[in-house]
Amino acid sequence: MTPVRVICILLCVTVAQGYRMFADRIPNGQQVPHPCKPNVLWHGVGHFNVDGGGFRNPFGMDFDRAGRQWTEALCRNDSDGDGRTNGQELGDPDCVWKVGQIPHSTHSLSHPGICDPMDSPRCQDKKYDWGLFHNQREWMEDACKSSEFNCSAIHDQDVRTMTARLDLTAVPPQETTYICQIFEVDDVLNDYHMIAATPVINNSYILHHMVIFGCEDSVSTRSAFQCDMLPDPKCKMILTVWTLGLNGDCFHPNAGVRIGKNGIKKLAVQLHWNNPGLIDHYQDSSGLVLHYTPHLRHYDSSMFLLGNEHFIIPPRTPSTVVTSRCAPSCTRHKMNDTIYVTSAFNHMHYLGHKMRLEQFRNGALVRTITNDLIYDYDSPKMYFFNDPIPVEPGDELKTTCDYSSTYKATTTFYGESTAEEMCYAFMSFYPFQSMQQSPFCTTWGSISGCDPETYHGCLGQEEAKYYQDVGTLDIFHNVTSNCRPFGPCTTECMDTILTARASDPCLTSGDPWDRLVTWGLSRNENGRNFLASLESCEIELYKLANDKDIIH
């Protein structure tokens, strides 16, 4: 079995829902009403997103400029321009409230970032030069949409439910935590199709997203434990995901995820906690309700993962573009027939600015499958295709991620925390049986796992030897015998390294060598000694390469 269906992303341009702690810094910050949904609160008062996270609204911009504190100037300001001060809207008309006090009024509150009356032309035409919306009309049309989970299939006869929910667990006082728990499917004696998933949210202050993974039969069930991006090496099949702004995942009517007798028998729930305030008294027991039916649909569904897993984003740079190609040779290798894409979405973290996924056939663009001109990690955009998109063996799928690090002073690397970055595209598709190899087509920098040419000769035995004990290799003894760690660059050291580079393609392969260093040589003592010896003539080799370029 392989990864199977996703509605948003896994995994993590401002702050996330965990920053709801800022609501305690403004009067009645936990009680601001939604302008068009009775008995619903706007938890992310400073954000366009009702749950917080993502781009700031006009009040959020002013709050940030005030040092994220309630000041008299912020109180007397009218952020949304509707004629009422922020203090009047939040129950502090005299601007005397202090953190911890009861506000002057706790009734007749209104949102300080939304112009009222919100349906007046003056308010609807309020323009925004940032974020996902051009004006308040667009914002309110989105915010006022029904939040009801619209999935008629879950009400069909014989549909059952299983809850994959975390045991009540303490949240560590750290910014990023991945927590997992492994379960057994309720009924493994019969076949079912999972057709939907809905969230059960226990602690909205720290919960950013949840993922359900399918696991191999041999994996052991486990109570809650801290995990990485995968709950276990035997749990690689993404079944469904919930994240901020979503109320559930309703699968395409043609297909479902097979569970039970001839399908997935073990599954894992993974939660991503975002606790930037390092609060030490939070607990959580969130999870997902899985809806499944004994009435099997026409096809088994799965998920195709594309993207790049090795890149660097320099600081203070308005645009850094990262691409990844799932080449024609790769789709021919992985697919034995056409697959049909039912939904897709992009995934980056907070530096993500724009992203798209394109389909090519015979070198020509067929279509752009996803295209986020403004990407927001906390408000992911889902692309659903009622008429599924056909992808044929031999097609190319290209992922392009564009990052803006203008306001970040340090280099950013690929990684799983929200302080690092990702570049992934996900496509849900059917039939699962048309994918004869694992539905992962990612690159590591320029390296493609199914395209030997990208290894520049550093593959097979040439590559494998460096993952063994490098101390047994002739190249190790030659280099470490003639070169001192980190220099100086003697004549015999330079000659030895040049000879090694001429005979071993890995040493000059670029990204393949970088991957060997990252995942192999840097992780054991002999490997580190070997690298330190090679480093002796690094500057001289660089100058030599530049001189050759000048000559040519």
Protein backbone atom coordinates (compact mmCIF):
# COMPACT_ATOMS: atom_id res chain seq x y z
CA MET A 1 0.00 0.00 0.00
CA THR A 2 1.06 3.58 -0.57
CA PRO A 3 -0.02 7.07 0.47
CA VAL A 4 -3.65 7.61 -0.22
CA ARG A 5 -5.56 10.85 -0.01
CA VAL A 6 -5.03 14.29 1.31
CA ILE A 7 -7.18 17.38 1.64
CA CYS A 8 -4.54 19.78 2.68
CA ILE A 9 -1.00 19.46 3.82
CA LEU A 10 1.03 17.97 6.32
CA LEU A 11 2.66 19.07 7.82
CA CYS A 12 3.96 24.04 8.71
CA VAL A 13 2.93 35.34 6.73
CA THR A 14 2.92 35.85 10.15
CA VAL A 15 1.99 33.75 13.10
CA ALA A 16 -0.08 30.60 13.52
CA GLN A 17 -3.04 29.74 15.70
CA GLY A 18 -0.78 29.18 18.68
CA TYR A 19 -0.40 32.98 18.81
CA ARG A 20 -3.94 33.26 20.13
CA MET A 21 -2.17 34.11 23.39
CA PHE A 22 -2.16 37.68 22.03
CA ALA A 23 -5.93 37.76 22.52
CA ASP A 24 -5.26 38.15 26.25
CA ARG A 25 -3.37 41.38 25.52
CA ILE A 26 -6.45 43.23 24.28
CA PRO A 27 -9.75 43.84 26.12
CA ASN A 28 -12.32 41.10 25.45
CA GLY A 29 -9.85 39.48 23.06
CA GLN A 30 -11.46 36.09 23.63
CA GLN A 31 -15.00 37.40 23.08
CA VAL A 32 -14.95 39.23 19.74
CA PRO A 33 -18.05 38.18 17.77
CA HIS A 34 -18.10 37.00 14.18
CA PRO A 35 -19.90 39.71 12.16
CA CYS A 36 -22.18 37.34 10.23
CA LYS A 37 -22.35 34.08 12.20
CA PRO A 38 -24.38 34.21 15.41
CA ASN A 39 -22.77 32.62 18.48
CA VAL A 40 -19.42 32.28 16.69
CA LEU A 41 -16.31 34.07 17.99
CA TRP A 42 -13.52 35.54 15.87
CA HIS A 43 -10.56 33.99 17.69
CA GLY A 44 -7.81 35.45 15.48
CA VAL A 45 -8.81 39.09 16.04
CA GLY A 46 -5.73 40.46 14.27
CA HIS A 47 -5.99 38.19 11.22
CA PHE A 48 -8.13 37.73 8.13
CA ASN A 49 -8.47 34.08 9.17
CA VAL A 50 -11.11 33.67 11.88
CA ASP A 51 -8.91 31.11 13.67
CA GLY A 52 -5.77 33.25 13.49
CA GLY A 53 -2.60 32.83 11.51
CA GLY A 54 -1.75 34.06 8.06
CA PHE A 55 -2.00 37.66 6.91
CA ARG A 56 -2.96 40.36 9.42
CA ASN A 57 -6.09 42.45 8.95
CA PRO A 58 -6.04 46.26 9.48
CA PHE A 59 -6.36 45.94 13.26
CA GLY A 60 -3.65 43.27 13.33
CA MET A 61 -1.31 45.57 11.41
CA ASP A 62 -1.88 48.35 13.95
CA PHE A 63 -1.51 45.92 16.87
CA ASP A 64 1.82 44.75 15.47
CA ARG A 65 3.03 48.34 15.07
CA ALA A 66 2.07 48.96 18.71
CA GLY A 67 4.47 46.23 19.80
CA ARG A 68 1.61 43.72 20.15
CA GLN A 69 0.44 45.53 23.28
CA TRP A 70 -2.75 47.42 24.11
CA THR A 71 -1.65 51.05 24.18
CA GLU A 72 -3.68 54.23 24.50
CA ALA A 73 -2.77 55.15 20.92
CA LEU A 74 -3.95 51.77 19.61
CA CYS A 75 -7.12 52.07 21.69
CA ARG A 76 -7.97 55.51 20.27
CA ASN A 77 -7.16 54.50 16.70
CA ASP A 78 -9.92 53.45 14.29
CA SER A 79 -8.21 50.61 12.45
CA ASP A 80 -11.13 49.65 10.22
CA GLY A 81 -12.19 53.24 9.46
CA ASP A 82 -15.84 52.84 10.44
CA GLY A 83 -15.99 55.81 12.83
CA ARG A 84 -15.64 53.83 16.08
CA THR A 85 -12.33 53.56 17.91
CA ASN A 86 -10.75 50.20 18.63
CA GLY A 87 -11.46 50.80 22.32
CA GLN A 88 -15.15 51.44 21.67
CA GLU A 89 -15.42 48.24 19.64
CA LEU A 90 -13.60 46.12 22.25
CA GLY A 91 -15.32 47.45 25.38
CA ASP A 92 -12.64 49.93 26.55
CA PRO A 93 -14.04 53.31 25.39
CA ASP A 94 -11.95 55.33 27.87
CA CYS A 95 -8.72 53.45 27.04
CA VAL A 96 -7.98 52.56 30.67
CA TRP A 97 -7.90 48.75 30.46
CA LYS A 98 -4.80 46.83 31.57
CA VAL A 99 -3.93 43.16 31.04
CA GLY A 100 -5.66 41.02 33.66
CA GLN A 101 -8.45 43.52 34.35
CA ILE A 102 -12.14 43.13 33.52
CA PRO A 103 -13.02 45.51 30.66
CA HIS A 104 -15.47 48.38 31.14
CA SER A 105 -17.99 46.53 28.99
CA THR A 106 -18.30 42.92 27.89
CA HIS A 107 -21.42 43.42 25.76
CA SER A 108 -22.17 44.98 22.37
CA LEU A 109 -18.66 44.21 21.16
CA SER A 110 -17.63 44.38 17.50
CA HIS A 111 -14.59 43.51 15.42
CA PRO A 112 -12.01 46.36 15.34
CA GLY A 113 -10.68 45.24 11.95
CA ILE A 114 -14.00 44.97 10.08
CA CYS A 115 -15.68 48.16 8.89
CA ASP A 116 -19.37 48.49 9.88
CA PRO A 117 -21.96 48.39 8.52
CA MET A 118 -20.10 45.73 6.61
CA ASP A 119 -22.62 45.58 3.75
CA SER A 120 -22.42 49.34 3.04
CA PRO A 121 -20.65 50.32 -0.20
CA ARG A 122 -18.17 52.43 1.77
CA CYS A 123 -17.09 49.45 3.88
CA GLN A 124 -17.27 46.86 1.12
CA ASP A 125 -14.91 48.93 -1.02
CA LYS A 126 -12.23 49.22 1.69
CA LYS A 127 -9.11 48.17 -0.21
CA TYR A 128 -6.21 46.01 1.00
CA ASP A 129 -2.77 46.12 -0.59
CA TRP A 130 -1.71 42.83 1.02
CA GLY A 131 -3.05 39.38 1.73
CA LEU A 132 -5.49 37.17 -0.13
CA PHE A 133 -8.30 39.72 -0.54
CA HIS A 134 -8.42 42.93 -2.56
CA ASN A 135 -11.17 44.55 -0.49
CA GLN A 136 -13.53 43.93 2.43
CA ARG A 137 -16.27 42.65 0.13
CA GLU A 138 -14.07 39.70 -0.93
CA TRP A 139 -12.98 39.11 2.67
CA MET A 140 -16.54 39.01 4.03
CA GLU A 141 -17.80 36.83 1.19
CA ASP A 142 -15.19 34.29 2.23
CA ALA A 143 -15.62 34.72 5.99
CA CYS A 144 -19.41 34.50 5.86
CA LYS A 145 -19.59 31.28 3.87
CA SER A 146 -21.24 28.42 5.68
CA SER A 147 -18.82 26.44 7.84
CA GLU A 148 -21.06 23.39 7.74
CA PHE A 149 -19.31 20.28 6.44
CA ASN A 150 -21.08 19.59 3.16
CA CYS A 151 -20.61 15.89 2.44
CA SER A 152 -23.87 14.09 1.78
CA ALA A 153 -22.14 10.71 1.52
CA ILE A 154 -21.55 10.51 5.28
CA HIS A 155 -25.33 10.36 5.76
CA ASP A 156 -25.76 7.37 3.45
CA GLN A 157 -27.08 4.12 4.85
CA ASP A 158 -24.55 1.85 6.60
CA VAL A 159 -21.83 4.51 6.86
CA ARG A 160 -19.82 3.92 10.04
CA THR A 161 -17.31 5.99 11.98
CA MET A 162 -14.02 5.39 13.75
CA THR A 163 -12.34 8.02 15.91
CA ALA A 164 -8.56 8.30 15.67
CA ARG A 165 -7.95 10.61 18.60
CA LEU A 166 -4.89 11.31 20.69
CA ASP A 167 -4.93 10.30 24.34
CA LEU A 168 -5.00 13.38 26.57
CA THR A 169 -1.34 14.43 26.45
CA ALA A 170 0.72 17.28 27.90
CA VAL A 171 2.00 19.79 25.34
CA PRO A 172 5.75 20.47 25.73
CA PRO A 173 6.87 24.10 26.23
CA GLN A 174 8.57 24.21 22.83
CA GLU A 175 7.59 25.92 19.58
CA THR A 176 7.18 22.86 17.33
CA THR A 177 6.08 19.36 18.38
CA TYR A 178 4.90 16.43 16.29
CA ILE A 179 2.92 13.95 18.41
CA CYS A 180 1.61 10.60 17.14
CA GLN A 181 -0.47 7.62 18.17
CA ILE A 182 -0.94 4.31 16.31
CA PHE A 183 -4.29 2.48 16.22
CA GLU A 184 -5.82 -0.64 14.70
CA VAL A 185 -8.76 -0.29 12.31
CA ASP A 186 -12.03 -1.27 14.01
CA ASP A 187 -12.90 -4.12 11.61
CA VAL A 188 -10.15 -6.00 9.76
CA LEU A 189 -12.35 -8.92 8.67
CA ASN A 190 -14.20 -7.03 5.93
CA ASP A 191 -13.37 -4.47 3.23
CA TYR A 192 -14.46 -0.84 3.49
CA HIS A 193 -13.84 2.46 1.75
CA MET A 194 -13.03 5.49 3.87
CA ILE A 195 -15.00 8.33 2.28
CA ALA A 196 -14.56 11.33 4.60
CA ALA A 197 -12.90 12.68 7.73
CA THR A 198 -14.00 15.35 10.22
CA PRO A 199 -11.97 16.98 13.02
CA VAL A 200 -12.38 16.68 16.78
CA ILE A 201 -10.52 19.70 18.18
CA ASN A 202 -9.70 19.70 21.89
CA ASN A 203 -7.11 22.50 22.18
CA SER A 204 -7.33 25.10 19.43
CA TYR A 205 -4.62 27.24 21.03
CA ILE A 206 -1.77 25.01 19.86
CA LEU A 207 -3.23 22.72 17.18
CA HIS A 208 -2.13 23.61 13.65
CA HIS A 209 -2.83 20.47 11.62
CA MET A 210 -3.53 16.75 11.89
CA VAL A 211 -2.61 13.90 9.54
CA ILE A 212 -3.88 10.32 9.35
CA PHE A 213 -1.30 7.85 8.01
CA GLY A 214 -1.88 4.29 6.86
CA CYS A 215 0.61 1.77 8.26
CA GLU A 216 1.90 -1.68 7.39
CA ASP A 217 0.24 -4.59 9.16
CA SER A 218 3.39 -5.39 11.16
CA VAL A 219 3.60 -2.04 12.96
CA SER A 220 2.79 -2.11 16.67
CA THR A 221 0.01 0.01 18.12
CA ARG A 222 1.34 2.70 20.46
CA SER A 223 -0.05 5.29 22.83
CA ALA A 224 0.91 8.94 22.32
CA PHE A 225 4.60 9.57 21.53
CA GLN A 226 6.69 12.38 20.03
CA CYS A 227 7.50 11.67 16.39
CA ASP A 228 9.06 13.16 13.27
CA MET A 229 7.36 13.90 9.95
CA LEU A 230 6.53 10.19 9.73
CA PRO A 231 5.01 8.44 12.76
CA ASP A 232 7.02 5.31 11.94
CA PRO A 233 9.03 4.00 8.95
CA LYS A 234 6.12 1.60 8.41
CA CYS A 235 3.53 4.40 8.35
CA LYS A 236 4.03 6.27 5.07
CA MET A 237 0.52 6.35 3.57
CA ILE A 238 -1.18 9.71 3.92
CA LEU A 239 -4.92 9.12 4.19
CA THR A 240 -6.29 12.53 5.08
CA VAL A 241 -5.28 15.83 6.67
CA TRP A 242 -7.00 18.58 8.60
CA THR A 243 -5.55 22.08 8.97
CA LEU A 244 -6.68 25.59 9.90
CA GLY A 245 -9.64 26.77 7.85
CA LEU A 246 -10.95 23.29 6.95
CA ASN A 247 -14.04 21.63 8.39
CA GLY A 248 -13.45 18.17 6.96
CA ASP A 249 -12.38 16.10 3.98
CA CYS A 250 -15.04 14.69 1.63
CA PHE A 251 -13.55 12.29 -0.91
CA HIS A 252 -14.40 12.25 -4.62
CA PRO A 253 -17.52 10.08 -5.20
CA ASN A 254 -15.67 7.76 -7.61
CA ALA A 255 -13.11 6.53 -5.08
CA GLY A 256 -12.25 5.82 -1.46
CA VAL A 257 -9.37 4.66 0.70
CA ARG A 258 -9.54 0.91 1.16
CA ILE A 259 -9.33 -0.19 4.80
CA GLY A 260 -9.94 -3.54 6.47
CA LYS A 261 -9.39 -7.07 5.19
CA ASN A 262 -7.62 -6.22 1.91
CA GLY A 263 -6.65 -2.68 2.81
CA ILE A 264 -5.13 -0.69 5.64
CA LYS A 265 -5.38 -2.40 9.01
CA LYS A 266 -3.26 -0.04 11.12
CA LEU A 267 -3.24 3.75 11.07
CA ALA A 268 -1.56 6.61 12.89
CA VAL A 269 -2.78 10.06 13.83
CA GLN A 270 -0.18 12.82 13.86
CA LEU A 271 -0.73 16.26 15.39
CA HIS A 272 1.42 19.32 14.80
CA TRP A 273 1.45 21.54 17.88
CA ASN A 274 2.62 25.14 17.51
CA ASN A 275 3.42 26.62 20.92
CA PRO A 276 5.49 29.77 20.27
CA GLY A 277 4.67 31.14 23.72
CA LEU A 278 6.33 28.06 25.28
CA ILE A 279 3.30 27.61 27.56
CA ASP A 280 3.91 24.68 29.94
CA HIS A 281 0.37 23.82 31.10
CA TYR A 282 -1.44 22.97 27.85
CA GLN A 283 -2.94 19.54 27.12
CA ASP A 284 -4.57 18.16 23.99
CA SER A 285 -6.61 15.16 22.83
CA SER A 286 -7.60 16.21 19.31
CA GLY A 287 -8.08 13.81 16.43
CA LEU A 288 -10.20 12.92 13.41
CA VAL A 289 -13.41 10.98 12.91
CA LEU A 290 -13.09 8.65 9.90
CA HIS A 291 -16.27 7.90 7.96
CA TYR A 292 -16.27 4.59 6.06
CA THR A 293 -18.73 2.42 4.19
CA PRO A 294 -19.05 -1.29 3.32
CA HIS A 295 -20.43 -0.26 -0.08
CA LEU A 296 -17.20 -0.05 -2.06
CA ARG A 297 -16.82 2.64 -4.71
CA HIS A 298 -15.49 2.08 -8.23
CA TYR A 299 -11.83 2.80 -7.45
CA ASP A 300 -9.25 2.77 -4.67
CA SER A 301 -7.66 6.20 -4.22
CA SER A 302 -4.13 7.23 -3.38
CA MET A 303 -1.95 10.31 -3.26
CA PHE A 304 0.99 11.46 -5.38
CA LEU A 305 3.69 13.50 -3.61
CA LEU A 306 5.99 15.80 -5.60
CA GLY A 307 8.60 18.38 -4.61
CA ASN A 308 12.15 19.18 -3.58
CA GLU A 309 13.75 18.08 -0.30
CA HIS A 310 17.08 19.93 -0.37
CA PHE A 311 17.46 23.67 -0.87
CA ILE A 312 18.71 26.83 0.84
CA ILE A 313 16.99 30.22 1.02
CA PRO A 314 19.37 33.16 1.61
CA PRO A 315 18.34 35.90 4.05
CA ARG A 316 16.83 39.25 3.06
CA THR A 317 16.03 38.10 -0.47
CA PRO A 318 12.71 39.06 -2.12
CA SER A 319 12.54 35.97 -4.34
CA THR A 320 14.24 32.57 -4.22
CA VAL A 321 12.82 30.04 -6.69
CA VAL A 322 13.06 26.29 -6.06
CA THR A 323 11.92 23.80 -8.73
CA SER A 324 11.48 20.06 -8.94
CA ARG A 325 10.80 17.90 -11.99
CA CYS A 326 9.05 14.57 -12.01
CA ALA A 327 10.48 13.76 -15.43
CA PRO A 328 8.77 11.76 -18.20
CA SER A 329 11.08 8.84 -17.42
CA CYS A 330 9.83 8.93 -13.83
CA THR A 331 6.11 8.82 -14.61
CA ARG A 332 6.72 6.03 -17.14
CA HIS A 333 8.61 4.10 -14.46
CA LYS A 334 5.99 4.62 -11.75
CA MET A 335 2.72 4.38 -13.68
CA ASN A 336 1.39 1.51 -15.76
CA ASP A 337 -1.72 3.39 -16.89
CA THR A 338 -3.40 6.78 -16.73
CA ILE A 339 -4.27 8.16 -13.30
CA TYR A 340 -7.05 10.68 -12.66
CA VAL A 341 -6.39 13.58 -10.29
CA THR A 342 -9.36 14.58 -8.14
CA SER A 343 -7.76 17.28 -5.99
CA ALA A 344 -4.42 18.97 -5.37
CA PHE A 345 -2.79 21.51 -3.09
CA ASN A 346 0.54 23.21 -2.47
CA HIS A 347 2.64 23.20 0.69
CA MET A 348 5.34 25.54 1.87
CA HIS A 349 5.92 27.24 5.23
CA TYR A 350 5.94 30.91 6.25
CA LEU A 351 8.48 32.16 3.68
CA GLY A 352 6.36 30.68 0.90
CA HIS A 353 5.16 33.44 -1.44
CA LYS A 354 3.95 31.78 -4.65
CA MET A 355 3.70 28.19 -5.87
CA ARG A 356 2.41 26.25 -8.85
CA LEU A 357 2.24 22.68 -10.18
CA GLU A 358 2.34 22.23 -13.96
CA GLN A 359 1.70 19.28 -16.26
CA PHE A 360 3.69 18.86 -19.49
CA ARG A 361 3.31 16.33 -22.31
CA ASN A 362 5.89 15.95 -25.08
CA GLY A 363 7.55 19.14 -23.82
CA ALA A 364 4.41 21.29 -24.10
CA LEU A 365 2.41 22.69 -21.20
CA VAL A 366 -0.90 20.84 -20.87
CA ARG A 367 -2.27 22.71 -17.86
CA THR A 368 -1.41 24.39 -14.61
CA ILE A 369 -2.88 22.13 -11.93
CA THR A 370 -2.36 24.47 -8.97
CA ASN A 371 -1.39 28.13 -9.00
CA ASP A 372 -1.17 30.07 -5.74
CA LEU A 373 -0.26 33.61 -6.78
CA ILE A 374 -0.36 34.55 -3.09
CA TYR A 375 0.44 31.61 -0.83
CA ASP A 376 -0.63 31.54 2.83
CA TYR A 377 0.49 28.61 4.97
CA ASP A 378 -2.37 29.14 7.44
CA SER A 379 -5.08 29.40 4.76
CA PRO A 380 -4.27 26.65 2.25
CA LYS A 381 -6.07 26.69 -1.07
CA MET A 382 -7.54 23.42 -2.22
CA TYR A 383 -8.08 22.63 -5.91
CA PHE A 384 -10.93 20.19 -6.54
CA PHE A 385 -11.64 18.65 -9.94
CA ASN A 386 -15.15 17.29 -10.39
CA ASP A 387 -13.93 16.19 -13.82
CA PRO A 388 -10.69 14.47 -12.79
CA ILE A 389 -7.49 15.47 -14.61
CA PRO A 390 -5.84 12.64 -16.58
CA VAL A 391 -2.09 12.22 -16.09
CA GLU A 392 -0.44 9.74 -18.45
CA PRO A 393 2.79 7.74 -18.19
CA GLY A 394 5.44 9.92 -19.83
CA ASP A 395 3.97 13.22 -18.63
CA GLU A 396 6.19 15.62 -16.72
CA LEU A 397 5.04 17.26 -13.48
CA LYS A 398 6.94 20.39 -12.46
CA THR A 399 6.74 22.01 -9.04
CA THR A 400 7.84 25.65 -8.64
CA CYS A 401 8.13 27.28 -5.19
CA ASP A 402 8.91 30.98 -4.72
CA TYR A 403 10.07 32.23 -1.31
CA SER A 404 10.46 35.73 0.11
CA SER A 405 12.94 36.12 2.99
CA THR A 406 13.06 39.93 2.92
CA TYR A 407 12.44 40.20 6.66
CA LYS A 408 14.51 37.22 7.79
CA ALA A 409 18.12 37.82 8.82
CA THR A 410 19.34 34.21 8.70
CA THR A 411 19.60 31.45 6.08
CA THR A 412 16.67 29.03 5.87
CA PHE A 413 17.04 25.32 5.08
CA TYR A 414 14.64 22.57 4.10
CA GLY A 415 13.13 20.98 7.21
CA GLU A 416 10.01 20.00 9.10
CA SER A 417 9.68 22.86 11.59
CA THR A 418 7.88 26.08 10.69
CA ALA A 419 11.20 27.93 11.05
CA GLU A 420 12.45 25.85 8.11
CA GLU A 421 10.87 25.43 4.67
CA MET A 422 9.25 22.85 2.44
CA CYS A 423 8.32 22.63 -1.24
CA TYR A 424 5.68 19.96 -1.85
CA ALA A 425 2.67 19.45 -4.08
CA PHE A 426 0.08 16.76 -3.35
CA MET A 427 -2.35 15.18 -5.79
CA SER A 428 -5.17 12.82 -4.83
CA PHE A 429 -5.86 10.35 -7.61
CA TYR A 430 -7.42 7.07 -8.67
CA PRO A 431 -7.07 4.22 -9.47
CA PHE A 432 -4.44 3.27 -6.95
CA GLN A 433 -3.62 0.18 -9.01
CA SER A 434 -2.26 2.33 -11.87
CA MET A 435 0.70 3.35 -9.69
CA GLN A 436 3.06 0.38 -9.94
CA GLN A 437 5.82 2.08 -7.90
CA SER A 438 5.57 4.24 -4.79
CA PRO A 439 3.71 7.50 -5.52
CA PHE A 440 6.60 9.71 -4.43
CA CYS A 441 8.43 11.74 -7.05
CA THR A 442 10.66 14.11 -5.13
CA THR A 443 14.11 15.48 -5.84
CA TRP A 444 17.02 16.13 -3.46
CA GLY A 445 18.32 19.33 -4.95
CA SER A 446 18.92 18.31 -8.56
CA ILE A 447 18.86 14.55 -7.84
CA SER A 448 15.87 12.56 -9.05
CA GLY A 449 15.49 9.08 -7.60
CA CYS A 450 14.22 7.67 -10.90
CA ASP A 451 16.57 9.54 -13.26
CA PRO A 452 20.11 8.04 -13.16
CA GLU A 453 21.58 10.91 -15.21
CA THR A 454 21.06 13.32 -12.30
CA TYR A 455 23.56 11.32 -10.21
CA HIS A 456 26.47 12.18 -12.55
CA GLY A 457 27.95 8.71 -12.14
CA CYS A 458 27.63 8.63 -8.34
CA LEU A 459 25.16 5.76 -8.05
CA GLY A 460 25.14 2.03 -7.50
CA GLN A 461 28.34 0.76 -5.91
CA GLU A 462 30.06 4.13 -6.35
CA GLU A 463 27.48 5.65 -4.00
CA ALA A 464 26.85 2.65 -1.73
CA LYS A 465 30.46 2.31 -0.58
CA TYR A 466 30.27 5.64 1.25
CA TYR A 467 27.34 4.45 3.36
CA GLN A 468 29.47 1.55 4.63
CA ASP A 469 32.59 1.86 6.81
CA VAL A 470 34.58 4.38 4.79
CA GLY A 471 37.64 3.42 6.84
CA THR A 472 37.96 0.21 4.82
CA LEU A 473 38.27 2.04 1.48
CA ASP A 474 41.56 2.66 -0.33
CA ILE A 475 40.50 6.25 -1.05
CA PHE A 476 40.16 6.85 2.70
CA HIS A 477 43.66 5.57 3.47
CA ASN A 478 45.21 7.46 0.55
CA VAL A 479 43.63 10.78 1.48
CA THR A 480 44.05 10.57 5.27
CA SER A 481 47.68 9.39 4.90
CA ASN A 482 48.66 12.34 2.69
CA CYS A 483 46.43 15.12 4.05
CA ARG A 484 46.17 16.60 7.51
CA PRO A 485 42.68 17.52 8.71
CA PHE A 486 41.88 21.08 7.58
CA GLY A 487 45.34 21.71 6.14
CA PRO A 488 47.82 22.85 5.21
CA CYS A 489 47.43 21.93 1.54
CA THR A 490 50.71 20.16 0.80
CA THR A 491 51.82 19.07 -2.67
CA GLU A 492 51.27 15.39 -1.90
CA CYS A 493 47.80 16.15 -0.47
CA MET A 494 46.78 18.10 -3.56
CA ASP A 495 48.07 15.35 -5.86
CA THR A 496 46.21 12.68 -3.87
CA ILE A 497 42.92 14.57 -3.96
CA LEU A 498 43.21 15.32 -7.69
CA THR A 499 43.88 11.63 -8.37
CA ALA A 500 40.88 10.65 -6.25
CA ARG A 501 38.60 13.15 -7.99
CA ALA A 502 39.68 11.83 -11.40
CA SER A 503 38.82 8.23 -10.52
CA ASP A 504 35.79 8.62 -8.24
CA PRO A 505 32.74 10.33 -9.82
CA CYS A 506 31.10 10.98 -6.44
CA LEU A 507 33.72 13.53 -5.41
CA THR A 508 32.76 15.85 -8.29
CA SER A 509 29.05 15.04 -8.59
CA GLY A 510 27.63 18.09 -6.81
CA ASP A 511 24.31 17.35 -5.12
CA PRO A 512 24.92 13.56 -4.95
CA TRP A 513 28.13 14.23 -3.00
CA ASP A 514 26.33 16.71 -0.74
CA ARG A 515 23.74 14.06 0.04
CA LEU A 516 26.45 11.50 0.84
CA VAL A 517 28.02 13.99 3.23
CA THR A 518 24.67 14.81 4.86
CA TRP A 519 23.32 11.29 5.28
CA GLY A 520 26.51 9.25 5.46
CA LEU A 521 29.99 10.64 5.97
CA SER A 522 29.13 13.34 8.53
CA ARG A 523 27.50 10.76 10.81
CA ASN A 524 30.52 8.64 11.76
CA GLU A 525 34.06 9.33 12.96
CA ASN A 526 35.91 7.88 9.95
CA GLY A 527 33.64 9.83 7.62
CA ARG A 528 34.31 13.07 9.46
CA ASN A 529 38.09 12.45 9.38
CA PHE A 530 37.87 11.81 5.64
CA LEU A 531 35.95 15.05 5.09
CA ALA A 532 38.40 17.03 7.24
CA SER A 533 41.30 15.68 5.18
CA LEU A 534 39.58 16.57 1.90
CA GLU A 535 38.99 20.06 3.30
CA SER A 536 42.77 20.67 3.41
CA CYS A 537 42.91 21.76 -0.22
CA GLU A 538 39.38 23.14 -0.62
CA ILE A 539 40.54 26.70 -1.33
CA GLU A 540 43.25 25.59 -3.75
CA LEU A 541 40.79 23.36 -5.63
CA TYR A 542 38.34 26.25 -5.88
CA LYS A 543 41.02 28.52 -7.31
CA LEU A 544 42.10 25.79 -9.73
CA ALA A 545 38.54 25.37 -10.98
CA ASN A 546 38.16 29.12 -11.46
CA ASP A 547 41.46 29.35 -13.34
CA LYS A 548 40.28 26.62 -15.72
CA ASP A 549 37.01 28.48 -16.30
CA ILE A 550 38.94 31.65 -17.12
CA ILE A 551 41.20 29.78 -19.55
CA HIS A 552 38.25 28.21 -21.32
